[in-house]
Amino acid sequence: FFFVKMKVAVFVLFALVATALANPLREGIDIQPVNAIMNRVMPLKIAETDACKAAGMCPYQMASEGSQSCVDGYAGEYECNNIDQVSIVSLSDLGSAKDGNDIWGWTDPITKHEIAIMCCEDGTSFVDITTPESPVVLGFMPTETTSVIWRDVKVYNNHAFIVSESINHGMQVFDLKNLRALNGTTVETLVPEFVYTEFGSAHNIVINEETGYAYVVGTKTCDGGLHIVNIQDPTNPTYAGCFWQDGYTHDAQCVIYDGPDSEHVGKEICFCYNEDTLTIVDVSDKANMLEISRKHYNGSQYTHQGWLTEDSKYLFMNDELDEVEGTTGGVDDGENTRTLIWNIEDLENPVWENTFFSSLRSIDHNLYVKGNYVYEANYCAGLRILEFHDPIIGPAYLTEVASFDVSPNCNGVEFFGSWSNYPYFESGNIVVSSIERGLFVLKPNLE
């Protein structure tokens, strides 16, 4: 049904692509720095989303749901393997009138309540999933300016920091402890404690919780590179520095390095995903940040995001457009999802050691690591959980051990389905954001 409607609306897609390419200043979205590849990527995603909206499928009209065990490969209508559906909160019940995007989480240090923080085009929803079968939507914080596809959130010191591609949006700062006073009887309209305005729009936010620095990327400052903010006093954030030397950064992970490269142990290192390279930067001295290395790779189309193993020996990376362009090297016309495995024992010379190829054709988006597992949100393929193996002899490798497809109407190389996931709750529950459906609370069975 989805594809019938999408085919009916295909003329809309082509028209919108042409319009978007001719005029990137659409729907309150500013252009990126002039040399950023993102200037070509954003109009394509906008056009697909607009076509889905025109077909009446984004957002998808559905009711929230309760638990469904994964039996014989399905949990209700959702294809699955070793993952049960605990609950689903629809976009409308989240408080949004539009599509979803990013997701993160927070555990209250006093009450131990687990809170899912789901971003949407028009704002951010805060959901108590402590009783995962019956999530409670506590409040919704509207966008600071316009509604757009891209919004991102991270957490530090019991505060949520929210950025968006909306023009003049800035960084919203919300004290999560305020949620303790809410019971979900009504979905409260929330307001930020502070809005940081040293940049307007941004694509993403990265936080090093060990140091209290936020690294905001894809702004119109710093040539789209790292715009660094001291957030140690969360409601009084201050500008701390700028790394622009390698241009636009799409995403990053910044850590106090504790890996095998002894030369850099104890330094603050950012692993940056810079559109066509993996770029590693020493950001310890915010007045004198130094590029350690910069690596290209075969089949590169759009270096998107990645995450370190817990021993900082390896890094897993995704490329958002290699499936679209058919350059993954996969058996199905180069469209099989691939995950790149990098050996980073020597930060000056990271080595692309191996590749995991999925049997499915799907665009990969965001991945995170917990223990020996990699949790991937791969658009139309949904949540995929891969197990990491580091044998004494031979290269490191990944095997898929669990999955849950949050978008049964989507199957292929398209920008629909799962945007991201958060696998770090102590309960073991995973929250996944579906672009067109809402918030999924899932429980893997990995033992």
Protein backbone atom coordinates (compact mmCIF):
# COMPACT_ATOMS: atom_id res chain seq x y z
CA PHE A 1 0.00 0.00 0.00
CA PHE A 2 2.82 2.33 0.88
CA PHE A 3 4.57 1.73 -2.42
CA VAL A 4 1.35 2.09 -4.42
CA LYS A 5 0.84 5.50 -2.90
CA MET A 6 4.50 6.36 -3.38
CA LYS A 7 4.31 5.41 -7.08
CA VAL A 8 1.22 7.57 -7.47
CA ALA A 9 3.22 10.42 -5.97
CA VAL A 10 6.43 9.75 -7.92
CA PHE A 11 5.88 12.79 -10.12
CA VAL A 12 5.74 14.85 -6.93
CA LEU A 13 9.12 13.47 -5.89
CA PHE A 14 10.82 14.43 -9.15
CA ALA A 15 9.28 17.89 -9.07
CA LEU A 16 10.32 18.41 -5.47
CA VAL A 17 13.88 17.20 -6.14
CA ALA A 18 14.20 19.74 -8.94
CA THR A 19 12.78 22.48 -6.77
CA ALA A 20 14.96 21.56 -3.80
CA LEU A 21 18.12 21.50 -5.87
CA ALA A 22 17.28 24.86 -7.38
CA ASN A 23 16.40 26.41 -4.04
CA PRO A 24 18.03 24.84 -0.97
CA LEU A 25 16.58 27.55 1.30
CA ARG A 26 13.38 25.60 1.91
CA GLU A 27 11.18 25.11 4.95
CA GLY A 28 13.31 27.26 7.19
CA ILE A 29 16.54 25.42 6.36
CA ASP A 30 19.71 27.39 5.73
CA ILE A 31 22.43 26.29 3.30
CA GLN A 32 25.59 24.69 4.67
CA PRO A 33 29.10 26.12 4.20
CA VAL A 34 29.77 26.43 0.48
CA ASN A 35 32.00 23.35 0.06
CA ALA A 36 29.91 20.97 2.15
CA ILE A 37 28.65 17.84 0.42
CA MET A 38 25.61 18.19 2.68
CA ASN A 39 24.33 20.91 0.34
CA ARG A 40 23.63 18.12 -2.17
CA VAL A 41 22.38 15.59 0.38
CA MET A 42 19.76 17.67 2.19
CA PRO A 43 17.59 18.46 -0.86
CA LEU A 44 17.36 14.75 -1.71
CA LYS A 45 16.11 13.84 1.77
CA ILE A 46 13.71 16.78 1.79
CA ALA A 47 12.29 15.69 -1.55
CA GLU A 48 11.71 12.09 -0.42
CA THR A 49 10.07 13.29 2.77
CA ASP A 50 7.85 15.75 0.91
CA ALA A 51 6.76 13.01 -1.49
CA CYS A 52 5.89 10.77 1.45
CA LYS A 53 3.86 13.58 3.01
CA ALA A 54 2.11 14.15 -0.31
CA ALA A 55 1.22 10.45 -0.39
CA GLY A 56 -0.34 10.79 3.08
CA MET A 57 2.11 8.35 4.66
CA CYS A 58 4.34 10.71 6.66
CA PRO A 59 3.45 10.74 9.43
CA TYR A 60 1.81 7.32 9.29
CA GLN A 61 -1.57 7.36 10.98
CA MET A 62 -1.63 4.68 13.68
CA ALA A 63 -2.52 4.06 17.31
CA SER A 64 0.01 3.45 20.06
CA GLU A 65 0.51 -0.24 20.85
CA GLY A 66 1.44 -2.56 23.73
CA SER A 67 3.57 -5.69 23.92
CA GLN A 68 4.02 -8.24 21.15
CA SER A 69 6.44 -11.15 21.48
CA CYS A 70 8.56 -12.05 18.48
CA VAL A 71 7.09 -15.36 17.34
CA ASP A 72 7.96 -17.12 14.06
CA GLY A 73 9.73 -14.01 12.81
CA TYR A 74 7.04 -11.44 13.59
CA ALA A 75 5.88 -9.25 16.45
CA GLY A 76 2.45 -8.26 15.19
CA GLU A 77 3.09 -6.77 11.75
CA TYR A 78 6.79 -6.15 12.40
CA GLU A 79 9.43 -8.56 11.12
CA CYS A 80 11.81 -9.52 13.93
CA ASN A 81 14.52 -11.85 15.17
CA ASN A 82 15.37 -12.20 18.88
CA ILE A 83 13.74 -8.86 19.75
CA ASP A 84 10.31 -8.38 21.32
CA GLN A 85 8.08 -5.34 20.95
CA VAL A 86 7.43 -3.88 24.40
CA SER A 87 5.41 -0.84 23.28
CA ILE A 88 4.99 1.80 20.59
CA VAL A 89 4.08 5.45 21.12
CA SER A 90 2.67 7.06 17.98
CA LEU A 91 3.90 10.43 16.82
CA SER A 92 0.60 12.09 17.65
CA ASP A 93 0.69 10.67 21.18
CA LEU A 94 4.25 11.98 21.52
CA GLY A 95 2.78 15.45 21.03
CA SER A 96 4.02 15.92 17.47
CA ALA A 97 2.06 16.73 14.35
CA LYS A 98 4.96 15.77 12.08
CA ASP A 99 7.65 13.12 11.51
CA GLY A 100 10.24 11.89 13.98
CA ASN A 101 14.03 11.85 13.83
CA ASP A 102 16.73 11.54 16.52
CA ILE A 103 16.51 9.85 19.93
CA TRP A 104 18.55 9.71 23.15
CA GLY A 105 17.93 8.73 26.76
CA TRP A 106 18.37 9.80 30.39
CA THR A 107 18.14 7.90 33.65
CA ASP A 108 17.14 10.02 36.63
CA PRO A 109 19.93 9.54 39.22
CA ILE A 110 17.44 9.90 42.10
CA THR A 111 14.27 8.12 40.98
CA LYS A 112 16.04 5.78 38.49
CA HIS A 113 13.25 6.47 36.01
CA GLU A 114 14.26 5.85 32.41
CA ILE A 115 13.34 8.68 30.06
CA ALA A 116 13.35 8.46 26.26
CA ILE A 117 13.97 11.80 24.56
CA MET A 118 12.63 11.70 21.01
CA CYS A 119 13.11 14.51 18.55
CA CYS A 120 10.52 15.37 15.92
CA GLU A 121 10.33 17.92 13.14
CA ASP A 122 8.33 20.30 15.34
CA GLY A 123 9.98 19.70 18.72
CA THR A 124 11.13 17.16 21.30
CA SER A 125 9.10 14.67 23.34
CA PHE A 126 10.03 13.36 26.80
CA VAL A 127 8.66 9.90 27.62
CA ASP A 128 8.95 7.91 30.86
CA ILE A 129 9.51 4.27 29.89
CA THR A 130 10.24 2.97 33.40
CA THR A 131 7.19 0.78 32.99
CA PRO A 132 8.02 -0.05 29.39
CA GLU A 133 4.71 -1.71 28.53
CA SER A 134 2.92 1.54 29.44
CA PRO A 135 5.07 4.54 28.47
CA VAL A 136 4.03 7.92 29.85
CA VAL A 137 4.49 11.01 27.69
CA LEU A 138 5.43 13.75 30.15
CA GLY A 139 5.95 16.79 27.95
CA PHE A 140 6.80 18.24 24.57
CA MET A 141 9.21 21.10 23.92
CA PRO A 142 8.38 22.93 20.67
CA THR A 143 11.04 23.91 18.18
CA GLU A 144 12.66 27.27 18.87
CA THR A 145 11.83 28.54 15.35
CA THR A 146 10.74 26.41 12.37
CA SER A 147 9.87 22.73 11.83
CA VAL A 148 12.47 20.78 9.85
CA ILE A 149 13.56 17.19 9.27
CA TRP A 150 16.73 17.43 11.37
CA ARG A 151 16.83 17.77 15.17
CA ASP A 152 19.37 16.24 17.55
CA VAL A 153 19.73 15.81 21.32
CA LYS A 154 22.36 14.69 23.82
CA VAL A 155 22.46 14.75 27.64
CA TYR A 156 24.98 16.05 30.19
CA ASN A 157 24.64 16.59 33.93
CA ASN A 158 20.86 16.01 33.97
CA HIS A 159 20.26 18.52 31.16
CA ALA A 160 19.19 17.93 27.57
CA PHE A 161 20.93 19.94 24.83
CA ILE A 162 18.92 20.20 21.62
CA VAL A 163 19.96 21.57 18.21
CA SER A 164 18.19 21.71 14.86
CA GLU A 165 18.66 22.68 11.22
CA SER A 166 15.94 25.29 11.81
CA ILE A 167 17.16 28.78 10.98
CA ASN A 168 18.21 30.76 14.09
CA HIS A 169 17.31 27.87 16.37
CA GLY A 170 20.40 27.85 18.58
CA MET A 171 20.90 25.24 21.30
CA GLN A 172 18.02 24.65 23.71
CA VAL A 173 19.04 23.67 27.26
CA PHE A 174 16.41 21.88 29.36
CA ASP A 175 16.75 20.78 32.99
CA LEU A 176 15.57 17.18 32.98
CA LYS A 177 14.99 17.22 36.74
CA ASN A 178 11.88 19.29 36.00
CA LEU A 179 10.28 16.11 34.66
CA ARG A 180 9.97 14.76 38.21
CA ALA A 181 7.00 17.04 38.79
CA LEU A 182 5.07 15.68 35.79
CA ASN A 183 2.81 12.63 35.83
CA GLY A 184 1.62 12.46 32.22
CA THR A 185 -2.01 13.30 32.96
CA THR A 186 -1.55 15.90 30.24
CA VAL A 187 1.34 16.40 27.85
CA GLU A 188 2.92 19.55 29.22
CA THR A 189 4.36 22.18 26.91
CA LEU A 190 7.95 22.59 28.05
CA VAL A 191 10.29 25.55 27.67
CA PRO A 192 14.10 25.59 27.80
CA GLU A 193 16.00 27.08 30.72
CA PHE A 194 18.40 28.72 28.28
CA VAL A 195 19.03 29.04 24.55
CA TYR A 196 22.63 29.37 23.34
CA THR A 197 22.75 31.60 20.25
CA GLU A 198 26.40 31.72 19.16
CA PHE A 199 25.19 29.69 16.17
CA GLY A 200 21.77 29.46 14.54
CA SER A 201 21.16 26.13 12.83
CA ALA A 202 23.18 22.97 13.46
CA HIS A 203 23.07 19.43 12.15
CA ASN A 204 24.17 17.50 15.19
CA ILE A 205 25.51 17.73 18.73
CA VAL A 206 28.20 15.61 20.38
CA ILE A 207 28.95 15.74 24.12
CA ASN A 208 31.96 14.45 26.01
CA GLU A 209 30.40 13.80 29.40
CA GLU A 210 33.83 13.32 30.98
CA THR A 211 34.91 16.89 30.25
CA GLY A 212 31.67 18.85 29.97
CA TYR A 213 32.25 20.08 26.44
CA ALA A 214 29.70 20.00 23.63
CA TYR A 215 30.91 19.71 20.05
CA VAL A 216 28.24 21.10 17.76
CA VAL A 217 28.69 20.20 14.10
CA GLY A 218 27.21 21.36 10.82
CA THR A 219 26.68 24.95 11.96
CA LYS A 220 27.29 28.00 9.79
CA THR A 221 30.29 28.77 11.99
CA CYS A 222 33.72 27.05 11.97
CA ASP A 223 33.20 26.17 8.28
CA GLY A 224 30.77 23.52 9.53
CA GLY A 225 33.42 21.88 11.74
CA LEU A 226 33.56 21.57 15.52
CA HIS A 227 31.90 24.50 17.29
CA ILE A 228 32.90 23.84 20.89
CA VAL A 229 30.84 24.94 23.88
CA ASN A 230 31.75 24.69 27.56
CA ILE A 231 28.60 23.27 29.23
CA GLN A 232 30.08 22.48 32.63
CA ASP A 233 27.56 25.00 33.99
CA PRO A 234 24.66 23.71 31.86
CA THR A 235 22.47 26.83 31.95
CA ASN A 236 25.41 29.13 31.30
CA PRO A 237 27.11 27.61 28.23
CA THR A 238 30.06 29.55 26.80
CA TYR A 239 31.91 29.41 23.50
CA ALA A 240 35.21 27.50 23.88
CA GLY A 241 36.76 27.08 20.45
CA CYS A 242 36.48 26.15 16.81
CA PHE A 243 38.08 23.46 14.63
CA TRP A 244 37.52 24.29 10.98
CA GLN A 245 40.69 22.97 9.32
CA ASP A 246 39.06 19.88 7.76
CA GLY A 247 35.81 21.58 6.84
CA TYR A 248 32.33 20.20 7.49
CA THR A 249 31.86 17.58 10.22
CA HIS A 250 28.66 15.57 10.04
CA ASP A 251 29.04 13.74 13.35
CA ALA A 252 31.73 12.81 15.88
CA GLN A 253 32.54 10.97 19.08
CA CYS A 254 34.77 12.81 21.55
CA VAL A 255 36.40 10.95 24.45
CA ILE A 256 39.24 11.01 26.94
CA TYR A 257 41.32 8.48 25.05
CA ASP A 258 42.24 5.32 26.97
CA GLY A 259 43.13 3.00 24.11
CA PRO A 260 46.27 1.15 23.06
CA ASP A 261 48.07 4.12 21.45
CA SER A 262 50.12 5.19 24.49
CA GLU A 263 51.17 8.48 22.88
CA HIS A 264 47.61 9.80 23.16
CA VAL A 265 46.33 8.23 26.38
CA GLY A 266 44.70 10.86 28.61
CA LYS A 267 44.14 13.34 25.76
CA GLU A 268 40.72 14.49 24.62
CA ILE A 269 40.30 13.06 21.13
CA CYS A 270 37.48 13.57 18.63
CA PHE A 271 36.80 10.94 16.00
CA CYS A 272 35.11 12.99 13.28
CA TYR A 273 33.02 11.84 10.34
CA ASN A 274 33.78 14.53 7.81
CA GLU A 275 31.67 13.68 4.74
CA ASP A 276 34.47 11.86 2.87
CA THR A 277 37.01 10.97 5.58
CA LEU A 278 37.53 9.64 9.06
CA THR A 279 39.37 12.53 10.70
CA ILE A 280 40.94 12.19 14.17
CA VAL A 281 41.63 15.41 16.11
CA ASP A 282 43.34 16.16 19.43
CA VAL A 283 41.05 18.74 21.03
CA SER A 284 42.72 18.81 24.46
CA ASP A 285 43.85 22.42 24.03
CA LYS A 286 40.85 24.31 22.69
CA ALA A 287 43.17 27.13 21.54
CA ASN A 288 45.47 24.77 19.64
CA MET A 289 43.62 21.72 18.34
CA LEU A 290 45.66 19.35 16.18
CA GLU A 291 44.66 16.97 13.40
CA ILE A 292 46.21 13.56 14.10
CA SER A 293 45.11 11.78 10.92
CA ARG A 294 42.69 11.91 8.03
CA LYS A 295 41.69 8.80 6.09
CA HIS A 296 39.72 8.24 2.88
CA TYR A 297 38.29 4.85 1.88
CA ASN A 298 37.03 3.08 -1.25
CA GLY A 299 33.40 3.51 -2.18
CA SER A 300 33.04 6.65 -0.09
CA GLN A 301 29.90 8.69 -0.80
CA TYR A 302 28.98 10.33 2.52
CA THR A 303 30.94 9.53 5.68
CA HIS A 304 28.16 9.72 8.22
CA GLN A 305 28.75 8.42 11.75
CA GLY A 306 30.56 5.85 13.87
CA TRP A 307 31.41 4.62 17.37
CA LEU A 308 34.39 3.15 19.24
CA THR A 309 34.60 -0.26 20.86
CA GLU A 310 34.78 -0.06 24.64
CA ASP A 311 38.54 -0.77 24.59
CA SER A 312 39.09 1.95 21.93
CA LYS A 313 40.90 -0.55 19.72
CA TYR A 314 38.33 -0.54 16.92
CA LEU A 315 35.83 1.82 15.39
CA PHE A 316 32.69 0.97 13.42
CA MET A 317 31.62 3.45 10.73
CA ASN A 318 28.75 3.92 8.30
CA ASP A 319 28.44 5.81 5.02
CA GLU A 320 24.94 7.12 4.35
CA LEU A 321 25.03 7.28 0.55
CA ASP A 322 27.17 4.33 -0.55
CA GLU A 323 24.06 2.14 -0.70
CA VAL A 324 22.21 4.85 -2.65
CA GLU A 325 25.04 5.09 -5.19
CA GLY A 326 25.68 1.33 -5.30
CA THR A 327 29.31 1.55 -4.17
CA THR A 328 29.30 -0.68 -1.07
CA GLY A 329 30.74 -3.67 -2.92
CA GLY A 330 27.77 -5.77 -1.83
CA VAL A 331 26.45 -8.56 -4.03
CA ASP A 332 23.12 -6.83 -4.77
CA ASP A 333 24.27 -4.11 -7.17
CA GLY A 334 26.46 -2.61 -4.45
CA GLU A 335 23.39 -1.66 -2.38
CA ASN A 336 23.83 -4.04 0.55
CA THR A 337 24.29 -2.19 3.83
CA ARG A 338 27.93 -2.20 4.86
CA THR A 339 29.59 -1.45 8.19
CA LEU A 340 33.26 -0.52 8.02
CA ILE A 341 35.52 -1.94 10.75
CA TRP A 342 38.57 0.24 11.46
CA ASN A 343 41.57 -0.75 13.54
CA ILE A 344 42.58 2.41 15.42
CA GLU A 345 45.41 1.06 17.59
CA ASP A 346 47.63 3.67 15.93
CA LEU A 347 45.74 6.98 15.80
CA GLU A 348 48.19 8.37 13.25
CA ASN A 349 47.42 5.49 10.93
CA PRO A 350 43.92 4.03 11.32
CA VAL A 351 43.41 0.99 9.10
CA TRP A 352 40.17 -0.15 7.47
CA GLU A 353 40.48 -3.79 8.51
CA ASN A 354 37.25 -5.45 7.45
CA THR A 355 33.65 -4.94 6.31
CA PHE A 356 30.33 -6.39 7.39
CA PHE A 357 27.78 -6.73 4.58
CA SER A 358 24.10 -7.15 5.37
CA SER A 359 22.00 -9.45 3.21
CA LEU A 360 19.56 -6.52 2.88
CA ARG A 361 19.52 -3.45 0.67
CA SER A 362 19.09 -0.55 3.07
CA ILE A 363 20.72 2.77 3.94
CA ASP A 364 22.55 2.79 7.27
CA HIS A 365 22.23 5.76 9.59
CA ASN A 366 23.26 5.69 13.27
CA LEU A 367 25.08 3.01 15.25
CA TYR A 368 26.17 2.66 18.88
CA VAL A 369 28.26 0.15 20.80
CA LYS A 370 27.47 -1.51 24.13
CA GLY A 371 29.67 -4.37 25.24
CA ASN A 372 30.35 -6.66 22.29
CA TYR A 373 27.25 -5.56 20.41
CA VAL A 374 26.72 -2.91 17.75
CA TYR A 375 23.22 -1.44 17.60
CA GLU A 376 22.45 -0.06 14.15
CA ALA A 377 19.45 1.98 12.99
CA ASN A 378 19.36 1.28 9.27
CA TYR A 379 16.35 3.15 7.85
CA CYS A 380 14.11 0.61 6.05
CA ALA A 381 15.87 -2.37 7.67
CA GLY A 382 15.10 -1.08 11.17
CA LEU A 383 17.18 -1.99 14.22
CA ARG A 384 19.96 -4.49 13.52
CA ILE A 385 22.14 -5.85 16.34
CA LEU A 386 25.57 -7.15 15.37
CA GLU A 387 27.96 -9.11 17.57
CA PHE A 388 31.63 -8.13 17.44
CA HIS A 389 34.40 -10.74 17.26
CA ASP A 390 38.12 -10.03 17.68
CA PRO A 391 39.91 -13.33 17.09
CA ILE A 392 43.57 -13.87 17.99
CA ILE A 393 44.27 -14.81 14.37
CA GLY A 394 42.58 -13.01 11.48
CA PRO A 395 40.68 -9.73 11.17
CA ALA A 396 37.91 -8.54 13.47
CA TYR A 397 34.42 -9.24 12.16
CA LEU A 398 30.70 -8.80 12.85
CA THR A 399 27.72 -11.17 12.71
CA GLU A 400 24.04 -10.21 12.89
CA VAL A 401 22.26 -11.72 15.91
CA ALA A 402 18.98 -9.80 16.22
CA SER A 403 16.72 -7.40 14.33
CA PHE A 404 13.42 -5.53 14.41
CA ASP A 405 11.98 -3.80 11.35
CA VAL A 406 10.08 -0.71 12.52
CA SER A 407 8.84 0.13 9.01
CA PRO A 408 7.09 -2.81 7.35
CA ASN A 409 5.87 -0.60 4.49
CA CYS A 410 9.41 0.34 3.52
CA ASN A 411 11.86 -2.03 1.86
CA GLY A 412 14.85 -0.73 -0.04
CA VAL A 413 17.34 2.07 -0.40
CA GLU A 414 15.15 4.92 0.89
CA PHE A 415 15.22 7.49 3.69
CA PHE A 416 12.33 6.06 5.74
CA GLY A 417 12.09 3.78 8.76
CA SER A 418 14.47 3.97 11.71
CA TRP A 419 16.49 7.15 12.32
CA SER A 420 18.37 6.18 15.47
CA ASN A 421 18.41 4.13 18.66
CA TYR A 422 19.55 4.37 22.28
CA PRO A 423 20.76 1.07 23.83
CA TYR A 424 22.20 2.29 27.15
CA PHE A 425 19.35 1.90 29.64
CA GLU A 426 20.21 -0.39 32.57
CA SER A 427 16.91 -2.23 32.05
CA GLY A 428 18.18 -3.52 28.72
CA ASN A 429 15.28 -1.93 26.87
CA ILE A 430 16.20 -0.19 23.64
CA VAL A 431 14.36 2.81 22.26
CA VAL A 432 14.23 3.28 18.50
CA SER A 433 12.89 6.29 16.62
CA SER A 434 10.80 5.62 13.54
CA ILE A 435 10.57 8.57 11.18
CA GLU A 436 6.97 8.00 10.17
CA ARG A 437 5.59 5.94 13.10
CA GLY A 438 7.03 7.16 16.41
CA LEU A 439 8.82 5.69 19.44
CA PHE A 440 9.47 1.96 19.72
CA VAL A 441 10.44 0.36 23.03
CA LEU A 442 12.11 -2.99 22.30
CA LYS A 443 13.65 -5.82 24.33
CA PRO A 444 16.39 -7.94 22.77
CA ASN A 445 16.98 -11.58 23.72
CA LEU A 446 20.70 -11.93 23.25
CA GLU A 447 21.64 -14.55 25.84
